[in-house]
Amino acid sequence: MNDKYIINIGRQLGSGGRLIGRQLAKDLNFAYYDKELISLASQESGLNKEFFEKADEKNNFNFFKNFLGLQFSKNYLGNDTLFKIQSDIIKDLANLKSSVFVGRCADYILREQPLSLNIFITADIEDRAKRTAERKNISEAEALEYNKKTDRQRKEYYNFYSNRGWGRASSYHLCINSSVLGLEKTTNYILSFIKEKFNI
């Protein structure tokens, strides 16, 4: 079977989207890409990994001026350049093997891929705060603010680079709240959805 199937996952922080994506990739024997894209982009471009980490899913064009203490033009080492590098890598990877991509506007970047599904995962605010608090070893109050800040950055990044709305139902094939069924059953539900859609 030479068909390349692509699953793109958008997610709110703390929704379990990363864990769900990784399990889906394992169950389907697909490649999985999340933070790995940062290392790949660094290797491909020869740029320091920290450039990509600081700009990851953030629409912050002043970072490079502050980071280096120099005035760069937007076209030299701004977010647009890094987005282009990462986009090219995502496209190349999607042509190699069936894959699960988490975040980083992959659904928009791969919008011309015929065998793709775009999924958005949310969760109840309390569950998201608890999950982030455990992962970051912070209080739930701190986690709540951290989630809000990160989701705002993701929304700004996604909306800037795409012509869609982050978290908006019309931007995805499936939107699901992982708190309703729990992570395991949500993963199984999405897996069934994927198999039904692609007949695999």
N, C-alpha and C. Protein backbone atom coordinates (compact mmCIF):
# COMPACT_ATOMS: atom_id res chain seq x y z
N MET A 1 0.85 -1.19 0.00
CA MET A 1 0.00 0.00 0.00
C MET A 1 0.88 1.24 0.00
N ASN A 2 0.80 2.05 -1.07
CA ASN A 2 1.64 3.23 -1.23
C ASN A 2 0.95 4.52 -0.80
N ASP A 3 -0.31 4.46 -0.43
CA ASP A 3 -1.02 5.67 -0.01
C ASP A 3 -0.41 6.23 1.27
N LYS A 4 -0.29 7.54 1.31
CA LYS A 4 0.22 8.22 2.51
C LYS A 4 -0.95 8.89 3.22
N TYR A 5 -1.27 8.40 4.42
CA TYR A 5 -2.36 8.95 5.21
C TYR A 5 -1.78 9.94 6.22
N ILE A 6 -2.46 11.07 6.38
CA ILE A 6 -1.97 12.11 7.25
C ILE A 6 -3.03 12.47 8.29
N ILE A 7 -2.65 12.45 9.55
CA ILE A 7 -3.52 12.87 10.65
C ILE A 7 -2.89 14.11 11.27
N ASN A 8 -3.61 15.22 11.22
CA ASN A 8 -3.14 16.47 11.81
C ASN A 8 -3.96 16.76 13.06
N ILE A 9 -3.26 16.99 14.16
CA ILE A 9 -3.95 17.21 15.44
C ILE A 9 -3.65 18.60 15.98
N GLY A 10 -4.72 19.39 16.13
CA GLY A 10 -4.63 20.65 16.87
C GLY A 10 -5.11 20.35 18.29
N ARG A 11 -4.65 21.11 19.24
CA ARG A 11 -5.03 20.77 20.62
C ARG A 11 -4.86 21.96 21.55
N GLN A 12 -5.71 22.01 22.55
CA GLN A 12 -5.52 22.93 23.66
C GLN A 12 -4.50 22.31 24.60
N LEU A 13 -3.72 23.16 25.25
CA LEU A 13 -2.73 22.65 26.19
C LEU A 13 -3.43 21.94 27.34
N GLY A 14 -2.95 20.75 27.66
CA GLY A 14 -3.53 19.98 28.75
C GLY A 14 -4.69 19.10 28.35
N SER A 15 -5.03 19.10 27.07
CA SER A 15 -6.16 18.29 26.60
C SER A 15 -5.78 16.83 26.37
N GLY A 16 -4.49 16.55 26.40
CA GLY A 16 -4.03 15.19 26.11
C GLY A 16 -3.82 14.95 24.63
N GLY A 17 -3.83 16.01 23.82
CA GLY A 17 -3.68 15.86 22.38
C GLY A 17 -2.38 15.21 21.97
N ARG A 18 -1.30 15.56 22.65
CA ARG A 18 0.00 14.95 22.34
C ARG A 18 0.01 13.46 22.65
N LEU A 19 -0.54 13.09 23.80
CA LEU A 19 -0.58 11.68 24.18
C LEU A 19 -1.48 10.88 23.24
N ILE A 20 -2.60 11.47 22.88
CA ILE A 20 -3.52 10.82 21.95
C ILE A 20 -2.86 10.64 20.59
N GLY A 21 -2.19 11.69 20.12
CA GLY A 21 -1.51 11.61 18.83
C GLY A 21 -0.45 10.54 18.80
N ARG A 22 0.33 10.45 19.87
CA ARG A 22 1.39 9.44 19.93
C ARG A 22 0.80 8.03 19.93
N GLN A 23 -0.29 7.83 20.65
CA GLN A 23 -0.91 6.50 20.70
C GLN A 23 -1.54 6.14 19.36
N LEU A 24 -2.14 7.12 18.69
CA LEU A 24 -2.71 6.87 17.37
C LEU A 24 -1.62 6.44 16.39
N ALA A 25 -0.50 7.13 16.44
CA ALA A 25 0.61 6.78 15.55
C ALA A 25 1.09 5.35 15.83
N LYS A 26 1.15 4.99 17.10
CA LYS A 26 1.57 3.64 17.48
C LYS A 26 0.58 2.60 16.99
N ASP A 27 -0.71 2.86 17.20
CA ASP A 27 -1.74 1.91 16.81
C ASP A 27 -1.83 1.74 15.30
N LEU A 28 -1.57 2.80 14.57
CA LEU A 28 -1.68 2.78 13.11
C LEU A 28 -0.36 2.47 12.41
N ASN A 29 0.71 2.41 13.21
CA ASN A 29 2.06 2.23 12.64
C ASN A 29 2.41 3.39 11.71
N PHE A 30 2.04 4.62 12.13
CA PHE A 30 2.38 5.83 11.41
C PHE A 30 3.58 6.49 12.09
N ALA A 31 4.28 7.32 11.35
CA ALA A 31 5.31 8.16 11.97
C ALA A 31 4.62 9.21 12.84
N TYR A 32 5.34 9.69 13.84
CA TYR A 32 4.77 10.69 14.77
C TYR A 32 5.71 11.89 14.85
N TYR A 33 5.15 13.08 14.70
CA TYR A 33 5.96 14.29 14.75
C TYR A 33 5.30 15.36 15.61
N ASP A 34 6.04 15.83 16.58
CA ASP A 34 5.60 16.91 17.45
C ASP A 34 6.81 17.80 17.67
N LYS A 35 7.42 17.74 18.83
CA LYS A 35 8.63 18.49 19.11
C LYS A 35 9.79 18.04 18.22
N GLU A 36 9.68 16.81 17.68
CA GLU A 36 10.73 16.30 16.80
C GLU A 36 10.98 17.21 15.61
N LEU A 37 9.95 17.94 15.22
CA LEU A 37 10.08 18.83 14.07
C LEU A 37 11.08 19.95 14.33
N ILE A 38 11.23 20.34 15.58
CA ILE A 38 12.19 21.39 15.92
C ILE A 38 13.61 20.92 15.64
N SER A 39 13.94 19.71 16.09
CA SER A 39 15.28 19.17 15.84
C SER A 39 15.53 18.97 14.35
N LEU A 40 14.52 18.48 13.65
CA LEU A 40 14.67 18.26 12.21
C LEU A 40 14.87 19.58 11.46
N ALA A 41 14.14 20.60 11.87
CA ALA A 41 14.28 21.91 11.23
C ALA A 41 15.66 22.49 11.49
N SER A 42 16.17 22.28 12.70
CA SER A 42 17.50 22.77 13.05
C SER A 42 18.56 22.05 12.22
N GLN A 43 18.44 20.74 12.12
CA GLN A 43 19.41 19.96 11.35
C GLN A 43 19.38 20.33 9.88
N GLU A 44 18.18 20.49 9.34
CA GLU A 44 18.03 20.76 7.91
C GLU A 44 18.56 22.14 7.54
N SER A 45 18.32 23.11 8.42
CA SER A 45 18.68 24.49 8.11
C SER A 45 20.09 24.86 8.56
N GLY A 46 20.62 24.12 9.54
CA GLY A 46 21.91 24.48 10.11
C GLY A 46 21.80 25.59 11.14
N LEU A 47 20.58 26.00 11.46
CA LEU A 47 20.37 27.04 12.46
C LEU A 47 20.30 26.42 13.85
N ASN A 48 20.65 27.22 14.84
CA ASN A 48 20.61 26.77 16.22
C ASN A 48 19.20 26.33 16.59
N LYS A 49 19.11 25.20 17.29
CA LYS A 49 17.81 24.66 17.70
C LYS A 49 17.01 25.66 18.52
N GLU A 50 17.71 26.54 19.25
CA GLU A 50 17.03 27.49 20.13
C GLU A 50 16.18 28.49 19.35
N PHE A 51 16.58 28.79 18.11
CA PHE A 51 15.76 29.67 17.28
C PHE A 51 14.35 29.10 17.14
N PHE A 52 14.29 27.80 16.82
CA PHE A 52 13.01 27.15 16.57
C PHE A 52 12.23 26.93 17.87
N GLU A 53 12.96 26.65 18.96
CA GLU A 53 12.28 26.45 20.24
C GLU A 53 11.60 27.73 20.72
N LYS A 54 12.28 28.87 20.58
CA LYS A 54 11.73 30.14 21.05
C LYS A 54 10.56 30.60 20.18
N ALA A 55 10.59 30.22 18.90
CA ALA A 55 9.53 30.65 17.99
C ALA A 55 8.43 29.62 17.84
N ASP A 56 8.56 28.47 18.51
CA ASP A 56 7.64 27.34 18.30
C ASP A 56 6.20 27.72 18.61
N GLU A 57 5.35 27.73 17.58
CA GLU A 57 3.93 28.05 17.70
C GLU A 57 3.69 29.38 18.42
N LYS A 58 4.61 30.32 18.20
CA LYS A 58 4.45 31.67 18.76
C LYS A 58 4.64 32.67 17.64
N ASN A 59 3.75 33.62 17.54
CA ASN A 59 3.83 34.67 16.53
C ASN A 59 4.50 35.88 17.17
N ASN A 60 5.84 35.78 17.36
CA ASN A 60 6.57 36.82 18.08
C ASN A 60 7.75 37.29 17.23
N PHE A 61 7.54 38.32 16.46
CA PHE A 61 8.56 38.76 15.53
C PHE A 61 9.68 39.55 16.19
N ASN A 62 9.53 39.91 17.46
CA ASN A 62 10.60 40.66 18.12
C ASN A 62 11.62 39.76 18.81
N PHE A 63 11.37 38.44 18.77
CA PHE A 63 12.25 37.53 19.52
C PHE A 63 13.70 37.64 19.08
N PHE A 64 13.96 37.66 17.79
CA PHE A 64 15.32 37.59 17.31
C PHE A 64 16.11 38.85 17.63
N LYS A 65 15.43 39.99 17.61
CA LYS A 65 16.10 41.23 17.99
C LYS A 65 16.51 41.16 19.46
N ASN A 66 15.60 40.67 20.30
CA ASN A 66 15.89 40.57 21.72
C ASN A 66 16.91 39.49 22.03
N PHE A 67 16.80 38.39 21.31
CA PHE A 67 17.66 37.24 21.58
C PHE A 67 19.11 37.52 21.22
N LEU A 68 19.34 38.21 20.13
CA LEU A 68 20.69 38.42 19.64
C LEU A 68 21.20 39.84 19.90
N GLY A 69 20.30 40.71 20.30
CA GLY A 69 20.72 42.08 20.52
C GLY A 69 21.04 42.79 19.23
N LEU A 70 20.52 42.30 18.12
CA LEU A 70 20.77 42.88 16.81
C LEU A 70 19.45 43.13 16.10
N GLN A 71 19.47 43.99 15.12
CA GLN A 71 18.26 44.28 14.36
C GLN A 71 18.29 43.48 13.07
N PHE A 72 17.45 42.44 12.99
CA PHE A 72 17.34 41.64 11.78
C PHE A 72 16.10 42.07 11.01
N SER A 73 16.16 41.96 9.72
CA SER A 73 14.95 42.18 8.94
C SER A 73 14.06 40.96 9.10
N LYS A 74 12.75 41.14 8.93
CA LYS A 74 11.79 40.04 9.08
C LYS A 74 12.09 38.91 8.11
N ASN A 75 12.64 39.24 6.95
CA ASN A 75 12.90 38.23 5.93
C ASN A 75 14.19 37.48 6.17
N TYR A 76 15.01 37.93 7.11
CA TYR A 76 16.29 37.25 7.31
C TYR A 76 16.15 36.07 8.27
N LEU A 77 15.84 36.35 9.51
CA LEU A 77 15.66 35.25 10.47
C LEU A 77 14.41 35.46 11.30
N GLY A 78 13.38 35.98 10.69
CA GLY A 78 12.13 36.16 11.40
C GLY A 78 11.33 34.88 11.41
N ASN A 79 10.18 34.94 12.05
CA ASN A 79 9.33 33.76 12.13
C ASN A 79 8.89 33.26 10.76
N ASP A 80 8.73 34.18 9.80
CA ASP A 80 8.34 33.74 8.46
C ASP A 80 9.34 32.77 7.87
N THR A 81 10.62 33.07 8.06
CA THR A 81 11.67 32.20 7.53
C THR A 81 11.64 30.84 8.21
N LEU A 82 11.50 30.85 9.53
CA LEU A 82 11.46 29.59 10.27
C LEU A 82 10.21 28.79 9.93
N PHE A 83 9.10 29.49 9.73
CA PHE A 83 7.86 28.81 9.34
C PHE A 83 8.04 28.13 7.98
N LYS A 84 8.70 28.82 7.05
CA LYS A 84 8.94 28.24 5.73
C LYS A 84 9.82 27.01 5.82
N ILE A 85 10.86 27.06 6.62
CA ILE A 85 11.75 25.91 6.80
C ILE A 85 10.97 24.73 7.36
N GLN A 86 10.21 24.98 8.42
CA GLN A 86 9.45 23.90 9.06
C GLN A 86 8.36 23.38 8.13
N SER A 87 7.74 24.25 7.37
CA SER A 87 6.69 23.84 6.43
C SER A 87 7.26 22.89 5.38
N ASP A 88 8.42 23.22 4.85
CA ASP A 88 9.04 22.36 3.83
C ASP A 88 9.36 20.98 4.39
N ILE A 89 9.79 20.95 5.64
CA ILE A 89 10.11 19.67 6.28
C ILE A 89 8.84 18.86 6.49
N ILE A 90 7.77 19.50 6.93
CA ILE A 90 6.49 18.81 7.13
C ILE A 90 5.99 18.21 5.82
N LYS A 91 6.09 18.98 4.74
CA LYS A 91 5.66 18.48 3.43
C LYS A 91 6.50 17.28 2.98
N ASP A 92 7.80 17.37 3.20
CA ASP A 92 8.69 16.27 2.81
C ASP A 92 8.37 15.00 3.61
N LEU A 93 8.16 15.17 4.90
CA LEU A 93 7.85 14.01 5.76
C LEU A 93 6.52 13.38 5.38
N ALA A 94 5.54 14.22 5.04
CA ALA A 94 4.22 13.71 4.67
C ALA A 94 4.27 12.89 3.38
N ASN A 95 5.25 13.18 2.54
CA ASN A 95 5.40 12.43 1.28
C ASN A 95 6.18 11.13 1.46
N LEU A 96 6.80 10.96 2.62
CA LEU A 96 7.60 9.77 2.86
C LEU A 96 6.79 8.60 3.42
N LYS A 97 5.91 8.92 4.36
CA LYS A 97 5.22 7.86 5.09
C LYS A 97 3.94 8.40 5.72
N SER A 98 2.97 7.56 5.94
CA SER A 98 1.78 7.95 6.70
C SER A 98 2.21 8.48 8.06
N SER A 99 1.64 9.60 8.47
CA SER A 99 2.16 10.29 9.65
C SER A 99 1.07 10.96 10.47
N VAL A 100 1.39 11.17 11.75
CA VAL A 100 0.59 11.98 12.64
C VAL A 100 1.41 13.22 12.98
N PHE A 101 0.85 14.40 12.70
CA PHE A 101 1.50 15.66 13.03
C PHE A 101 0.70 16.36 14.12
N VAL A 102 1.39 16.84 15.14
CA VAL A 102 0.72 17.56 16.23
C VAL A 102 1.09 19.04 16.14
N GLY A 103 0.08 19.88 15.94
CA GLY A 103 0.28 21.32 15.94
C GLY A 103 1.07 21.84 14.76
N ARG A 104 1.64 23.04 14.94
CA ARG A 104 2.54 23.69 13.98
C ARG A 104 1.92 23.92 12.61
N CYS A 105 0.60 24.17 12.61
CA CYS A 105 -0.14 24.49 11.37
C CYS A 105 -0.04 23.40 10.32
N ALA A 106 0.23 22.17 10.75
CA ALA A 106 0.40 21.09 9.77
C ALA A 106 -0.85 20.88 8.93
N ASP A 107 -2.03 21.06 9.53
CA ASP A 107 -3.26 20.87 8.75
C ASP A 107 -3.35 21.88 7.61
N TYR A 108 -2.91 23.11 7.85
CA TYR A 108 -2.93 24.12 6.80
C TYR A 108 -1.80 23.87 5.79
N ILE A 109 -0.62 23.56 6.29
CA ILE A 109 0.52 23.30 5.42
C ILE A 109 0.24 22.14 4.47
N LEU A 110 -0.48 21.13 4.98
CA LEU A 110 -0.78 19.93 4.18
C LEU A 110 -2.21 19.94 3.65
N ARG A 111 -2.75 21.12 3.45
CA ARG A 111 -4.15 21.24 3.02
C ARG A 111 -4.41 20.62 1.65
N GLU A 112 -3.38 20.43 0.84
CA GLU A 112 -3.57 19.84 -0.48
C GLU A 112 -3.37 18.34 -0.48
N GLN A 113 -3.03 17.77 0.67
CA GLN A 113 -2.90 16.32 0.78
C GLN A 113 -4.30 15.70 0.72
N PRO A 114 -4.56 14.81 -0.23
CA PRO A 114 -5.92 14.27 -0.37
C PRO A 114 -6.33 13.32 0.76
N LEU A 115 -5.38 12.58 1.31
CA LEU A 115 -5.69 11.58 2.33
C LEU A 115 -5.29 12.10 3.71
N SER A 116 -5.98 13.15 4.13
CA SER A 116 -5.64 13.74 5.43
C SER A 116 -6.90 14.00 6.25
N LEU A 117 -6.73 13.95 7.55
CA LEU A 117 -7.80 14.26 8.50
C LEU A 117 -7.29 15.29 9.50
N ASN A 118 -8.09 16.30 9.75
CA ASN A 118 -7.72 17.34 10.70
C ASN A 118 -8.61 17.23 11.94
N ILE A 119 -7.96 17.07 13.09
CA ILE A 119 -8.68 16.82 14.33
C ILE A 119 -8.27 17.86 15.37
N PHE A 120 -9.25 18.35 16.13
CA PHE A 120 -8.94 19.28 17.22
C PHE A 120 -9.41 18.67 18.53
N ILE A 121 -8.52 18.68 19.51
CA ILE A 121 -8.82 18.07 20.81
C ILE A 121 -8.84 19.14 21.90
N THR A 122 -9.93 19.19 22.61
CA THR A 122 -10.08 20.08 23.75
C THR A 122 -10.36 19.22 24.99
N ALA A 123 -10.54 19.85 26.12
CA ALA A 123 -10.92 19.14 27.36
C ALA A 123 -11.47 20.18 28.32
N ASP A 124 -12.14 19.71 29.35
CA ASP A 124 -12.67 20.62 30.36
C ASP A 124 -11.51 21.38 31.00
N ILE A 125 -11.77 22.62 31.36
CA ILE A 125 -10.71 23.49 31.86
C ILE A 125 -10.03 22.92 33.12
N GLU A 126 -10.83 22.27 33.98
CA GLU A 126 -10.26 21.68 35.21
C GLU A 126 -9.31 20.54 34.88
N ASP A 127 -9.69 19.70 33.94
CA ASP A 127 -8.84 18.57 33.56
C ASP A 127 -7.55 19.05 32.91
N ARG A 128 -7.66 20.10 32.12
CA ARG A 128 -6.47 20.63 31.47
C ARG A 128 -5.50 21.22 32.49
N ALA A 129 -6.05 21.92 33.48
CA ALA A 129 -5.21 22.51 34.52
C ALA A 129 -4.51 21.42 35.34
N LYS A 130 -5.25 20.37 35.68
CA LYS A 130 -4.65 19.28 36.46
C LYS A 130 -3.53 18.60 35.68
N ARG A 131 -3.76 18.36 34.41
CA ARG A 131 -2.76 17.67 33.60
C ARG A 131 -1.50 18.51 33.44
N THR A 132 -1.67 19.80 33.22
CA THR A 132 -0.51 20.69 33.08
C THR A 132 0.22 20.85 34.40
N ALA A 133 -0.52 20.94 35.50
CA ALA A 133 0.10 21.08 36.82
C ALA A 133 0.98 19.88 37.13
N GLU A 134 0.51 18.69 36.80
CA GLU A 134 1.29 17.48 37.04
C GLU A 134 2.53 17.43 36.14
N ARG A 135 2.35 17.81 34.89
CA ARG A 135 3.46 17.73 33.94
C ARG A 135 4.53 18.77 34.23
N LYS A 136 4.11 19.99 34.63
CA LYS A 136 5.06 21.08 34.86
C LYS A 136 5.46 21.22 36.33
N ASN A 137 4.82 20.41 37.21
CA ASN A 137 5.08 20.48 38.64
C ASN A 137 4.82 21.89 39.19
N ILE A 138 3.64 22.40 38.87
CA ILE A 138 3.21 23.71 39.35
C ILE A 138 1.81 23.58 39.94
N SER A 139 1.32 24.64 40.56
CA SER A 139 -0.02 24.59 41.14
C SER A 139 -1.06 24.63 40.02
N GLU A 140 -2.28 24.23 40.35
CA GLU A 140 -3.34 24.25 39.34
C GLU A 140 -3.69 25.68 38.94
N ALA A 141 -3.56 26.61 39.87
CA ALA A 141 -3.82 28.01 39.54
C ALA A 141 -2.79 28.52 38.54
N GLU A 142 -1.53 28.15 38.78
CA GLU A 142 -0.47 28.53 37.84
C GLU A 142 -0.67 27.85 36.49
N ALA A 143 -1.09 26.59 36.54
CA ALA A 143 -1.33 25.83 35.31
C ALA A 143 -2.45 26.45 34.49
N LEU A 144 -3.46 26.94 35.18
CA LEU A 144 -4.59 27.57 34.48
C LEU A 144 -4.12 28.78 33.69
N GLU A 145 -3.29 29.61 34.29
CA GLU A 145 -2.76 30.79 33.60
C GLU A 145 -1.80 30.39 32.49
N TYR A 146 -1.01 29.37 32.75
CA TYR A 146 -0.05 28.90 31.74
C TYR A 146 -0.79 28.36 30.52
N ASN A 147 -1.87 27.62 30.76
CA ASN A 147 -2.68 27.10 29.66
C ASN A 147 -3.27 28.24 28.82
N LYS A 148 -3.79 29.24 29.50
CA LYS A 148 -4.40 30.38 28.79
C LYS A 148 -3.37 31.08 27.91
N LYS A 149 -2.19 31.31 28.46
CA LYS A 149 -1.14 32.00 27.72
C LYS A 149 -0.70 31.18 26.51
N THR A 150 -0.47 29.90 26.72
CA THR A 150 0.00 29.04 25.63
C THR A 150 -1.04 28.90 24.54
N ASP A 151 -2.30 28.72 24.92
CA ASP A 151 -3.36 28.61 23.92
C ASP A 151 -3.54 29.91 23.15
N ARG A 152 -3.36 31.02 23.81
CA ARG A 152 -3.45 32.31 23.12
C ARG A 152 -2.33 32.43 22.07
N GLN A 153 -1.14 31.99 22.44
CA GLN A 153 -0.02 32.02 21.50
C GLN A 153 -0.26 31.08 20.32
N ARG A 154 -0.78 29.90 20.61
CA ARG A 154 -1.06 28.95 19.54
C ARG A 154 -2.12 29.50 18.60
N LYS A 155 -3.14 30.13 19.16
CA LYS A 155 -4.20 30.69 18.34
C LYS A 155 -3.68 31.80 17.44
N GLU A 156 -2.87 32.70 18.00
CA GLU A 156 -2.32 33.80 17.22
C GLU A 156 -1.42 33.28 16.11
N TYR A 157 -0.61 32.28 16.42
CA TYR A 157 0.31 31.68 15.44
C TYR A 157 -0.48 31.03 14.31
N TYR A 158 -1.46 30.23 14.67
CA TYR A 158 -2.26 29.49 13.67
C TYR A 158 -3.06 30.46 12.80
N ASN A 159 -3.71 31.41 13.43
CA ASN A 159 -4.54 32.34 12.68
C ASN A 159 -3.72 33.25 11.77
N PHE A 160 -2.48 33.54 12.18
CA PHE A 160 -1.61 34.39 11.38
C PHE A 160 -1.18 33.68 10.09
N TYR A 161 -0.81 32.41 10.21
CA TYR A 161 -0.25 31.69 9.07
C TYR A 161 -1.29 30.97 8.22
N SER A 162 -2.48 30.80 8.73
CA SER A 162 -3.52 30.11 7.96
C SER A 162 -4.67 31.07 7.69
N ASN A 163 -5.59 30.62 6.87
CA ASN A 163 -6.80 31.42 6.64
C ASN A 163 -7.98 30.78 7.37
N ARG A 164 -7.65 30.09 8.46
CA ARG A 164 -8.66 29.39 9.24
C ARG A 164 -8.67 29.91 10.67
N GLY A 165 -9.56 29.38 11.48
CA GLY A 165 -9.63 29.77 12.88
C GLY A 165 -9.23 28.62 13.79
N TRP A 166 -8.23 28.86 14.64
CA TRP A 166 -7.75 27.83 15.56
C TRP A 166 -8.87 27.42 16.51
N GLY A 167 -9.17 26.13 16.58
CA GLY A 167 -10.20 25.63 17.47
C GLY A 167 -11.61 25.79 16.95
N ARG A 168 -11.77 26.41 15.80
CA ARG A 168 -13.09 26.60 15.21
C ARG A 168 -13.51 25.32 14.49
N ALA A 169 -14.72 24.85 14.74
CA ALA A 169 -15.17 23.56 14.20
C ALA A 169 -15.03 23.48 12.68
N SER A 170 -15.28 24.57 11.99
CA SER A 170 -15.23 24.56 10.53
C SER A 170 -13.83 24.35 9.98
N SER A 171 -12.81 24.44 10.84
CA SER A 171 -11.43 24.25 10.40
C SER A 171 -11.00 22.78 10.44
N TYR A 172 -11.84 21.91 10.99
CA TYR A 172 -11.43 20.52 11.24
C TYR A 172 -12.50 19.53 10.78
N HIS A 173 -12.07 18.29 10.61
CA HIS A 173 -13.02 17.23 10.28
C HIS A 173 -13.68 16.67 11.55
N LEU A 174 -12.98 16.79 12.66
CA LEU A 174 -13.50 16.27 13.93
C LEU A 174 -12.97 17.12 15.08
N CYS A 175 -13.87 17.58 15.95
CA CYS A 175 -13.50 18.25 17.19
C CYS A 175 -14.05 17.40 18.34
N ILE A 176 -13.23 17.18 19.35
CA ILE A 176 -13.66 16.28 20.41
C ILE A 176 -13.12 16.73 21.77
N ASN A 177 -13.93 16.56 22.80
CA ASN A 177 -13.56 16.89 24.17
C ASN A 177 -13.12 15.60 24.86
N SER A 178 -11.83 15.52 25.17
CA SER A 178 -11.28 14.29 25.74
C SER A 178 -11.75 14.02 27.16
N SER A 179 -12.36 15.03 27.83
CA SER A 179 -12.87 14.82 29.18
C SER A 179 -14.12 13.96 29.18
N VAL A 180 -14.84 13.92 28.08
CA VAL A 180 -16.11 13.19 28.04
C VAL A 180 -15.89 11.69 28.16
N LEU A 181 -14.94 11.15 27.40
CA LEU A 181 -14.69 9.72 27.41
C LEU A 181 -13.40 9.33 28.13
N GLY A 182 -12.54 10.30 28.41
CA GLY A 182 -11.21 9.99 28.94
C GLY A 182 -10.25 9.76 27.79
N LEU A 183 -8.95 9.80 28.08
CA LEU A 183 -7.95 9.74 27.01
C LEU A 183 -7.99 8.42 26.23
N GLU A 184 -8.09 7.31 26.93
CA GLU A 184 -8.04 6.01 26.25
C GLU A 184 -9.22 5.83 25.30
N LYS A 185 -10.42 6.09 25.81
CA LYS A 185 -11.61 5.90 24.97
C LYS A 185 -11.69 6.96 23.87
N THR A 186 -11.19 8.16 24.15
CA THR A 186 -11.14 9.19 23.11
C THR A 186 -10.21 8.76 21.99
N THR A 187 -9.07 8.19 22.36
CA THR A 187 -8.12 7.68 21.36
C THR A 187 -8.76 6.60 20.52
N ASN A 188 -9.46 5.68 21.17
CA ASN A 188 -10.11 4.59 20.44
C ASN A 188 -11.21 5.11 19.52
N TYR A 189 -11.93 6.13 19.98
CA TYR A 189 -12.98 6.73 19.15
C TYR A 189 -12.38 7.36 17.90
N ILE A 190 -11.32 8.12 18.09
CA ILE A 190 -10.66 8.76 16.95
C ILE A 190 -10.06 7.72 16.01
N LEU A 191 -9.52 6.65 16.59
CA LEU A 191 -8.95 5.58 15.78
C LEU A 191 -10.02 4.95 14.88
N SER A 192 -11.19 4.72 15.45
CA SER A 192 -12.30 4.17 14.66
C SER A 192 -12.72 5.14 13.56
N PHE A 193 -12.73 6.42 13.89
CA PHE A 193 -13.08 7.47 12.92
C PHE A 193 -12.10 7.45 11.75
N ILE A 194 -10.82 7.36 12.06
CA ILE A 194 -9.78 7.34 11.03
C ILE A 194 -9.92 6.12 10.14
N LYS A 195 -10.11 4.94 10.75
CA LYS A 195 -10.22 3.71 9.98
C LYS A 195 -11.45 3.73 9.09
N GLU A 196 -12.54 4.29 9.60
CA GLU A 196 -13.76 4.37 8.82
C GLU A 196 -13.59 5.32 7.64
N LYS A 197 -12.95 6.45 7.90
CA LYS A 197 -12.75 7.46 6.86
C LYS A 197 -11.84 6.94 5.73
N PHE A 198 -10.76 6.29 6.12
CA PHE A 198 -9.76 5.85 5.13
C PHE A 198 -9.94 4.40 4.70
N ASN A 199 -10.89 3.71 5.35
CA ASN A 199 -11.13 2.30 5.03
C ASN A 199 -9.84 1.48 5.16
N ILE A 200 -9.22 1.61 6.33
CA ILE A 200 -7.97 0.88 6.59
C ILE A 200 -8.12 0.02 7.84
